[in-house]
Amino acid sequence: MALGLILGLGRSAFRRKRTSSLDILTSKRGPRDYYKGKNCKPTGFHTRKGGYVVVQEKLPNYVVPDLTDFKLVLR
């Protein structure tokens, strides 16, 4: 019984840690041309000659109400 325990401990030293397929994907772990980005939406597209065209429909449009007659109440 003691011999089995010793052999069992010896085998665990040779085991490799399994790499999970659910690990966090980073640019270091992905393919060579993988770019993760920062979760931002593109505002245009790249041209073949290296330029960038901004599409107005993709730009954010903020609607702000008119606050000229707004009275701030301090308590």
PDB file of N, CA and C in Angstrom:
ATOM      1  N   MET A   1       0.824  -1.194   0.000  1.00  0.00           N
ATOM      2  CA  MET A   1       0.000   0.000   0.000  1.00  0.00           C
ATOM      3  C   MET A   1       0.865   1.254   0.000  1.00  0.00           C
ATOM      4  N   ALA A   2       1.955   1.221   0.744  1.00  0.00           N
ATOM      5  CA  ALA A   2       2.834   2.379   0.772  1.00  0.00           C
ATOM      6  C   ALA A   2       3.521   2.580  -0.573  1.00  0.00           C
ATOM      7  N   LEU A   3       3.793   1.463  -1.261  1.00  0.00           N
ATOM      8  CA  LEU A   3       4.440   1.567  -2.564  1.00  0.00           C
ATOM      9  C   LEU A   3       3.506   2.235  -3.579  1.00  0.00           C
ATOM     10  N   GLY A   4       2.218   1.905  -3.525  1.00  0.00           N
ATOM     11  CA  GLY A   4       1.243   2.531  -4.420  1.00  0.00           C
ATOM     12  C   GLY A   4       1.114   4.018  -4.149  1.00  0.00           C
ATOM     13  N   LEU A   5       1.184   4.396  -2.880  1.00  0.00           N
ATOM     14  CA  LEU A   5       1.102   5.803  -2.522  1.00  0.00           C
ATOM     15  C   LEU A   5       2.301   6.575  -3.053  1.00  0.00           C
ATOM     16  N   ILE A   6       3.477   5.966  -2.954  1.00  0.00           N
ATOM     17  CA  ILE A   6       4.692   6.619  -3.442  1.00  0.00           C
ATOM     18  C   ILE A   6       4.657   6.736  -4.967  1.00  0.00           C
ATOM     19  N   LEU A   7       4.201   5.672  -5.650  1.00  0.00           N
ATOM     20  CA  LEU A   7       4.114   5.735  -7.108  1.00  0.00           C
ATOM     21  C   LEU A   7       3.077   6.764  -7.548  1.00  0.00           C
ATOM     22  N   GLY A   8       1.973   6.879  -6.803  1.00  0.00           N
ATOM     23  CA  GLY A   8       0.947   7.858  -7.135  1.00  0.00           C
ATOM     24  C   GLY A   8       1.462   9.276  -6.994  1.00  0.00           C
ATOM     25  N   LEU A   9       2.282   9.533  -5.989  1.00  0.00           N
ATOM     26  CA  LEU A   9       2.860  10.865  -5.820  1.00  0.00           C
ATOM     27  C   LEU A   9       3.877  11.165  -6.914  1.00  0.00           C
ATOM     28  N   GLY A  10       4.599  10.153  -7.360  1.00  0.00           N
ATOM     29  CA  GLY A  10       5.593  10.331  -8.410  1.00  0.00           C
ATOM     30  C   GLY A  10       4.953  10.663  -9.744  1.00  0.00           C
ATOM     31  N   ARG A  11       3.801  10.058 -10.021  1.00  0.00           N
ATOM     32  CA  ARG A  11       3.133  10.316 -11.297  1.00  0.00           C
ATOM     33  C   ARG A  11       2.598  11.746 -11.379  1.00  0.00           C
ATOM     34  N   SER A  12       2.148  12.271 -10.253  1.00  0.00           N
ATOM     35  CA  SER A  12       1.582  13.623 -10.288  1.00  0.00           C
ATOM     36  C   SER A  12       2.639  14.669 -10.597  1.00  0.00           C
ATOM     37  N   ALA A  13       3.890  14.373 -10.339  1.00  0.00           N
ATOM     38  CA  ALA A  13       4.951  15.319 -10.648  1.00  0.00           C
ATOM     39  C   ALA A  13       5.168  15.436 -12.154  1.00  0.00           C
ATOM     40  N   PHE A  14       4.825  14.374 -12.913  1.00  0.00           N
ATOM     41  CA  PHE A  14       5.037  14.386 -14.356  1.00  0.00           C
ATOM     42  C   PHE A  14       3.821  14.853 -15.138  1.00  0.00           C
ATOM     43  N   ARG A  15       2.720  15.124 -14.463  1.00  0.00           N
ATOM     44  CA  ARG A  15       1.521  15.581 -15.159  1.00  0.00           C
ATOM     45  C   ARG A  15       1.676  17.037 -15.565  1.00  0.00           C
ATOM     46  N   ARG A  16       1.157  17.332 -16.728  1.00  0.00           N
ATOM     47  CA  ARG A  16       1.151  18.727 -17.168  1.00  0.00           C
ATOM     48  C   ARG A  16      -0.188  19.340 -16.811  1.00  0.00           C
ATOM     49  N   LYS A  17      -0.168  20.613 -16.582  1.00  0.00           N
ATOM     50  CA  LYS A  17      -1.407  21.326 -16.329  1.00  0.00           C
ATOM     51  C   LYS A  17      -2.153  21.459 -17.646  1.00  0.00           C
ATOM     52  N   ARG A  18      -3.419  21.115 -17.669  1.00  0.00           N
ATOM     53  CA  ARG A  18      -4.214  21.221 -18.880  1.00  0.00           C
ATOM     54  C   ARG A  18      -4.525  22.677 -19.161  1.00  0.00           C
ATOM     55  N   THR A  19      -4.322  23.075 -20.381  1.00  0.00           N
ATOM     56  CA  THR A  19      -4.675  24.436 -20.752  1.00  0.00           C
ATOM     57  C   THR A  19      -6.140  24.444 -21.149  1.00  0.00           C
ATOM     58  N   SER A  20      -6.880  25.245 -20.522  1.00  0.00           N
ATOM     59  CA  SER A  20      -8.305  25.326 -20.797  1.00  0.00           C
ATOM     60  C   SER A  20      -8.539  26.135 -22.058  1.00  0.00           C
ATOM     61  N   SER A  21      -9.508  25.722 -22.845  1.00  0.00           N
ATOM     62  CA  SER A  21      -9.837  26.474 -24.043  1.00  0.00           C
ATOM     63  C   SER A  21     -10.628  27.726 -23.697  1.00  0.00           C
ATOM     64  N   LEU A  22     -11.030  27.877 -22.443  1.00  0.00           N
ATOM     65  CA  LEU A  22     -11.799  29.037 -22.024  1.00  0.00           C
ATOM     66  C   LEU A  22     -10.934  30.097 -21.347  1.00  0.00           C
ATOM     67  N   ASP A  23      -9.617  30.020 -21.545  1.00  0.00           N
ATOM     68  CA  ASP A  23      -8.736  31.038 -20.985  1.00  0.00           C
ATOM     69  C   ASP A  23      -9.017  32.387 -21.641  1.00  0.00           C
ATOM     70  N   ILE A  24      -8.579  33.445 -20.992  1.00  0.00           N
ATOM     71  CA  ILE A  24      -8.792  34.792 -21.526  1.00  0.00           C
ATOM     72  C   ILE A  24      -7.946  34.956 -22.776  1.00  0.00           C
ATOM     73  N   LEU A  25      -8.583  35.346 -23.870  1.00  0.00           N
ATOM     74  CA  LEU A  25      -7.881  35.516 -25.129  1.00  0.00           C
ATOM     75  C   LEU A  25      -7.274  36.910 -25.181  1.00  0.00           C
ATOM     76  N   THR A  26      -5.980  36.953 -25.324  1.00  0.00           N
ATOM     77  CA  THR A  26      -5.271  38.221 -25.442  1.00  0.00           C
ATOM     78  C   THR A  26      -4.546  38.264 -26.778  1.00  0.00           C
ATOM     79  N   SER A  27      -3.960  39.391 -27.102  1.00  0.00           N
ATOM     80  CA  SER A  27      -3.213  39.492 -28.347  1.00  0.00           C
ATOM     81  C   SER A  27      -1.942  38.652 -28.299  1.00  0.00           C
ATOM     82  N   LYS A  28      -1.464  38.321 -27.108  1.00  0.00           N
ATOM     83  CA  LYS A  28      -0.284  37.468 -26.992  1.00  0.00           C
ATOM     84  C   LYS A  28      -0.634  36.003 -27.255  1.00  0.00           C
ATOM     85  N   ARG A  29      -1.850  35.582 -26.918  1.00  0.00           N
ATOM     86  CA  ARG A  29      -2.256  34.190 -27.075  1.00  0.00           C
ATOM     87  C   ARG A  29      -2.905  33.902 -28.418  1.00  0.00           C
ATOM     88  N   GLY A  30      -3.366  34.938 -29.119  1.00  0.00           N
ATOM     89  CA  GLY A  30      -4.081  34.746 -30.366  1.00  0.00           C
ATOM     90  C   GLY A  30      -3.134  34.606 -31.550  1.00  0.00           C
ATOM     91  N   PRO A  31      -3.680  34.582 -32.758  1.00  0.00           N
ATOM     92  CA  PRO A  31      -2.837  34.535 -33.952  1.00  0.00           C
ATOM     93  C   PRO A  31      -1.981  35.783 -34.092  1.00  0.00           C
ATOM     94  N   ARG A  32      -1.079  35.754 -35.042  1.00  0.00           N
ATOM     95  CA  ARG A  32      -0.122  36.853 -35.189  1.00  0.00           C
ATOM     96  C   ARG A  32      -0.794  38.176 -35.505  1.00  0.00           C
ATOM     97  N   ASP A  33      -1.857  38.160 -36.291  1.00  0.00           N
ATOM     98  CA  ASP A  33      -2.514  39.404 -36.672  1.00  0.00           C
ATOM     99  C   ASP A  33      -3.761  39.690 -35.838  1.00  0.00           C
ATOM    100  N   TYR A  34      -3.889  39.073 -34.679  1.00  0.00           N
ATOM    101  CA  TYR A  34      -5.067  39.271 -33.835  1.00  0.00           C
ATOM    102  C   TYR A  34      -4.933  40.572 -33.056  1.00  0.00           C
ATOM    103  N   TYR A  35      -5.958  41.423 -33.136  1.00  0.00           N
ATOM    104  CA  TYR A  35      -5.995  42.669 -32.380  1.00  0.00           C
ATOM    105  C   TYR A  35      -7.305  42.711 -31.616  1.00  0.00           C
ATOM    106  N   LYS A  36      -7.234  42.663 -30.319  1.00  0.00           N
ATOM    107  CA  LYS A  36      -8.438  42.575 -29.513  1.00  0.00           C
ATOM    108  C   LYS A  36      -9.200  43.891 -29.467  1.00  0.00           C
ATOM    109  N   GLY A  37      -8.522  44.990 -29.359  1.00  0.00           N
ATOM    110  CA  GLY A  37      -9.189  46.287 -29.305  1.00  0.00           C
ATOM    111  C   GLY A  37      -9.697  46.600 -27.904  1.00  0.00           C
ATOM    112  N   LYS A  38     -10.412  47.675 -27.786  1.00  0.00           N
ATOM    113  CA  LYS A  38     -10.930  48.140 -26.495  1.00  0.00           C
ATOM    114  C   LYS A  38     -12.446  48.235 -26.490  1.00  0.00           C
ATOM    115  N   ASN A  39     -13.114  47.398 -27.274  1.00  0.00           N
ATOM    116  CA  ASN A  39     -14.571  47.331 -27.322  1.00  0.00           C
ATOM    117  C   ASN A  39     -15.177  48.640 -27.829  1.00  0.00           C
ATOM    118  N   CYS A  40     -14.530  49.262 -28.786  1.00  0.00           N
ATOM    119  CA  CYS A  40     -15.038  50.494 -29.395  1.00  0.00           C
ATOM    120  C   CYS A  40     -15.578  50.180 -30.782  1.00  0.00           C
ATOM    121  N   LYS A  41     -16.592  50.902 -31.166  1.00  0.00           N
ATOM    122  CA  LYS A  41     -17.173  50.727 -32.496  1.00  0.00           C
ATOM    123  C   LYS A  41     -16.388  51.550 -33.504  1.00  0.00           C
ATOM    124  N   PRO A  42     -16.136  51.019 -34.690  1.00  0.00           N
ATOM    125  CA  PRO A  42     -15.415  51.801 -35.696  1.00  0.00           C
ATOM    126  C   PRO A  42     -16.279  52.932 -36.229  1.00  0.00           C
ATOM    127  N   THR A  43     -15.655  54.062 -36.542  1.00  0.00           N
ATOM    128  CA  THR A  43     -16.391  55.219 -37.061  1.00  0.00           C
ATOM    129  C   THR A  43     -16.221  55.376 -38.556  1.00  0.00           C
ATOM    130  N   GLY A  44     -15.564  54.434 -39.202  1.00  0.00           N
ATOM    131  CA  GLY A  44     -15.351  54.519 -40.638  1.00  0.00           C
ATOM    132  C   GLY A  44     -14.697  53.252 -41.145  1.00  0.00           C
ATOM    133  N   PHE A  45     -13.895  53.410 -42.209  1.00  0.00           N
ATOM    134  CA  PHE A  45     -13.207  52.245 -42.764  1.00  0.00           C
ATOM    135  C   PHE A  45     -11.879  52.682 -43.366  1.00  0.00           C
ATOM    136  N   HIS A  46     -10.969  51.724 -43.496  1.00  0.00           N
ATOM    137  CA  HIS A  46      -9.655  51.966 -44.074  1.00  0.00           C
ATOM    138  C   HIS A  46      -9.720  51.789 -45.585  1.00  0.00           C
ATOM    139  N   THR A  47      -8.988  52.640 -46.299  1.00  0.00           N
ATOM    140  CA  THR A  47      -8.923  52.521 -47.749  1.00  0.00           C
ATOM    141  C   THR A  47      -7.750  51.627 -48.132  1.00  0.00           C
ATOM    142  N   ARG A  48      -7.675  51.277 -49.386  1.00  0.00           N
ATOM    143  CA  ARG A  48      -6.583  50.405 -49.853  1.00  0.00           C
ATOM    144  C   ARG A  48      -5.234  51.112 -49.834  1.00  0.00           C
ATOM    145  N   LYS A  49      -5.260  52.435 -49.910  1.00  0.00           N
ATOM    146  CA  LYS A  49      -4.003  53.188 -49.952  1.00  0.00           C
ATOM    147  C   LYS A  49      -3.559  53.679 -48.581  1.00  0.00           C
ATOM    148  N   GLY A  50      -4.201  53.212 -47.525  1.00  0.00           N
ATOM    149  CA  GLY A  50      -3.764  53.558 -46.179  1.00  0.00           C
ATOM    150  C   GLY A  50      -4.501  54.710 -45.548  1.00  0.00           C
ATOM    151  N   GLY A  51      -5.505  55.237 -46.217  1.00  0.00           N
ATOM    152  CA  GLY A  51      -6.277  56.332 -45.647  1.00  0.00           C
ATOM    153  C   GLY A  51      -7.416  55.812 -44.775  1.00  0.00           C
ATOM    154  N   TYR A  52      -8.159  56.718 -44.206  1.00  0.00           N
ATOM    155  CA  TYR A  52      -9.293  56.367 -43.355  1.00  0.00           C
ATOM    156  C   TYR A  52     -10.445  57.298 -43.696  1.00  0.00           C
ATOM    157  N   VAL A  53     -11.613  56.733 -43.963  1.00  0.00           N
ATOM    158  CA  VAL A  53     -12.786  57.512 -44.318  1.00  0.00           C
ATOM    159  C   VAL A  53     -13.769  57.447 -43.157  1.00  0.00           C
ATOM    160  N   VAL A  54     -14.141  58.603 -42.618  1.00  0.00           N
ATOM    161  CA  VAL A  54     -15.092  58.675 -41.508  1.00  0.00           C
ATOM    162  C   VAL A  54     -16.502  58.717 -42.083  1.00  0.00           C
ATOM    163  N   VAL A  55     -17.367  57.841 -41.593  1.00  0.00           N
ATOM    164  CA  VAL A  55     -18.759  57.798 -42.029  1.00  0.00           C
ATOM    165  C   VAL A  55     -19.593  58.547 -40.986  1.00  0.00           C
ATOM    166  N   GLN A  56     -20.320  59.570 -41.414  1.00  0.00           N
ATOM    167  CA  GLN A  56     -21.071  60.419 -40.482  1.00  0.00           C
ATOM    168  C   GLN A  56     -22.156  59.640 -39.735  1.00  0.00           C
ATOM    169  N   GLU A  57     -22.731  58.632 -40.370  1.00  0.00           N
ATOM    170  CA  GLU A  57     -23.787  57.849 -39.718  1.00  0.00           C
ATOM    171  C   GLU A  57     -23.258  57.014 -38.555  1.00  0.00           C
ATOM    172  N   LYS A  58     -21.946  56.754 -38.552  1.00  0.00           N
ATOM    173  CA  LYS A  58     -21.357  55.945 -37.487  1.00  0.00           C
ATOM    174  C   LYS A  58     -20.863  56.779 -36.309  1.00  0.00           C
ATOM    175  N   LEU A  59     -20.833  58.100 -36.461  1.00  0.00           N
ATOM    176  CA  LEU A  59     -20.384  58.961 -35.362  1.00  0.00           C
ATOM    177  C   LEU A  59     -21.486  59.075 -34.309  1.00  0.00           C
ATOM    178  N   PRO A  60     -21.123  59.142 -33.032  1.00  0.00           N
ATOM    179  CA  PRO A  60     -22.154  59.301 -32.009  1.00  0.00           C
ATOM    180  C   PRO A  60     -22.806  60.676 -32.082  1.00  0.00           C
ATOM    181  N   ASN A  61     -24.104  60.709 -31.865  1.00  0.00           N
ATOM    182  CA  ASN A  61     -24.868  61.950 -31.916  1.00  0.00           C
ATOM    183  C   ASN A  61     -25.540  62.139 -30.556  1.00  0.00           C
ATOM    184  N   TYR A  62     -25.097  63.126 -29.807  1.00  0.00           N
ATOM    185  CA  TYR A  62     -25.629  63.380 -28.474  1.00  0.00           C
ATOM    186  C   TYR A  62     -26.717  64.450 -28.544  1.00  0.00           C
ATOM    187  N   VAL A  63     -27.880  64.143 -28.026  1.00  0.00           N
ATOM    188  CA  VAL A  63     -28.993  65.092 -27.996  1.00  0.00           C
ATOM    189  C   VAL A  63     -29.054  65.687 -26.595  1.00  0.00           C
ATOM    190  N   VAL A  64     -28.795  66.994 -26.490  1.00  0.00           N
ATOM    191  CA  VAL A  64     -28.771  67.685 -25.202  1.00  0.00           C
ATOM    192  C   VAL A  64     -29.939  68.665 -25.173  1.00  0.00           C
ATOM    193  N   PRO A  65     -30.759  68.644 -24.129  1.00  0.00           N
ATOM    194  CA  PRO A  65     -31.886  69.584 -24.076  1.00  0.00           C
ATOM    195  C   PRO A  65     -31.406  71.015 -23.832  1.00  0.00           C
ATOM    196  N   ASP A  66     -32.239  71.969 -24.209  1.00  0.00           N
ATOM    197  CA  ASP A  66     -31.932  73.382 -24.018  1.00  0.00           C
ATOM    198  C   ASP A  66     -32.123  73.732 -22.540  1.00  0.00           C
ATOM    199  N   LEU A  67     -31.073  74.218 -21.884  1.00  0.00           N
ATOM    200  CA  LEU A  67     -31.115  74.509 -20.447  1.00  0.00           C
ATOM    201  C   LEU A  67     -30.997  76.009 -20.161  1.00  0.00           C
ATOM    202  N   THR A  68     -31.451  76.854 -21.048  1.00  0.00           N
ATOM    203  CA  THR A  68     -31.295  78.296 -20.837  1.00  0.00           C
ATOM    204  C   THR A  68     -32.169  78.802 -19.686  1.00  0.00           C
ATOM    205  N   ASP A  69     -33.407  78.341 -19.550  1.00  0.00           N
ATOM    206  CA  ASP A  69     -34.302  78.801 -18.474  1.00  0.00           C
ATOM    207  C   ASP A  69     -34.332  77.847 -17.289  1.00  0.00           C
ATOM    208  N   PHE A  70     -33.345  76.992 -17.176  1.00  0.00           N
ATOM    209  CA  PHE A  70     -33.325  76.030 -16.075  1.00  0.00           C
ATOM    210  C   PHE A  70     -32.872  76.708 -14.793  1.00  0.00           C
ATOM    211  N   LYS A  71     -33.631  76.508 -13.720  1.00  0.00           N
ATOM    212  CA  LYS A  71     -33.276  77.094 -12.431  1.00  0.00           C
ATOM    213  C   LYS A  71     -32.809  75.974 -11.495  1.00  0.00           C
ATOM    214  N   LEU A  72     -31.613  76.144 -11.000  1.00  0.00           N
ATOM    215  CA  LEU A  72     -31.041  75.160 -10.108  1.00  0.00           C
ATOM    216  C   LEU A  72     -31.467  75.499  -8.674  1.00  0.00           C
ATOM    217  N   VAL A  73     -32.035  74.530  -7.984  1.00  0.00           N
ATOM    218  CA  VAL A  73     -32.497  74.727  -6.617  1.00  0.00           C
ATOM    219  C   VAL A  73     -31.457  74.155  -5.673  1.00  0.00           C
ATOM    220  N   LEU A  74     -30.908  75.007  -4.810  1.00  0.00           N
ATOM    221  CA  LEU A  74     -29.940  74.560  -3.816  1.00  0.00           C
ATOM    222  C   LEU A  74     -30.636  74.381  -2.481  1.00  0.00           C
ATOM    223  N   ARG A  75     -30.346  73.316  -1.814  1.00  0.00           N
ATOM    224  CA  ARG A  75     -30.970  73.047  -0.509  1.00  0.00           C
ATOM    225  C   ARG A  75     -29.961  73.079   0.584  1.00  0.00           C
TER     226      ARG A  75
END
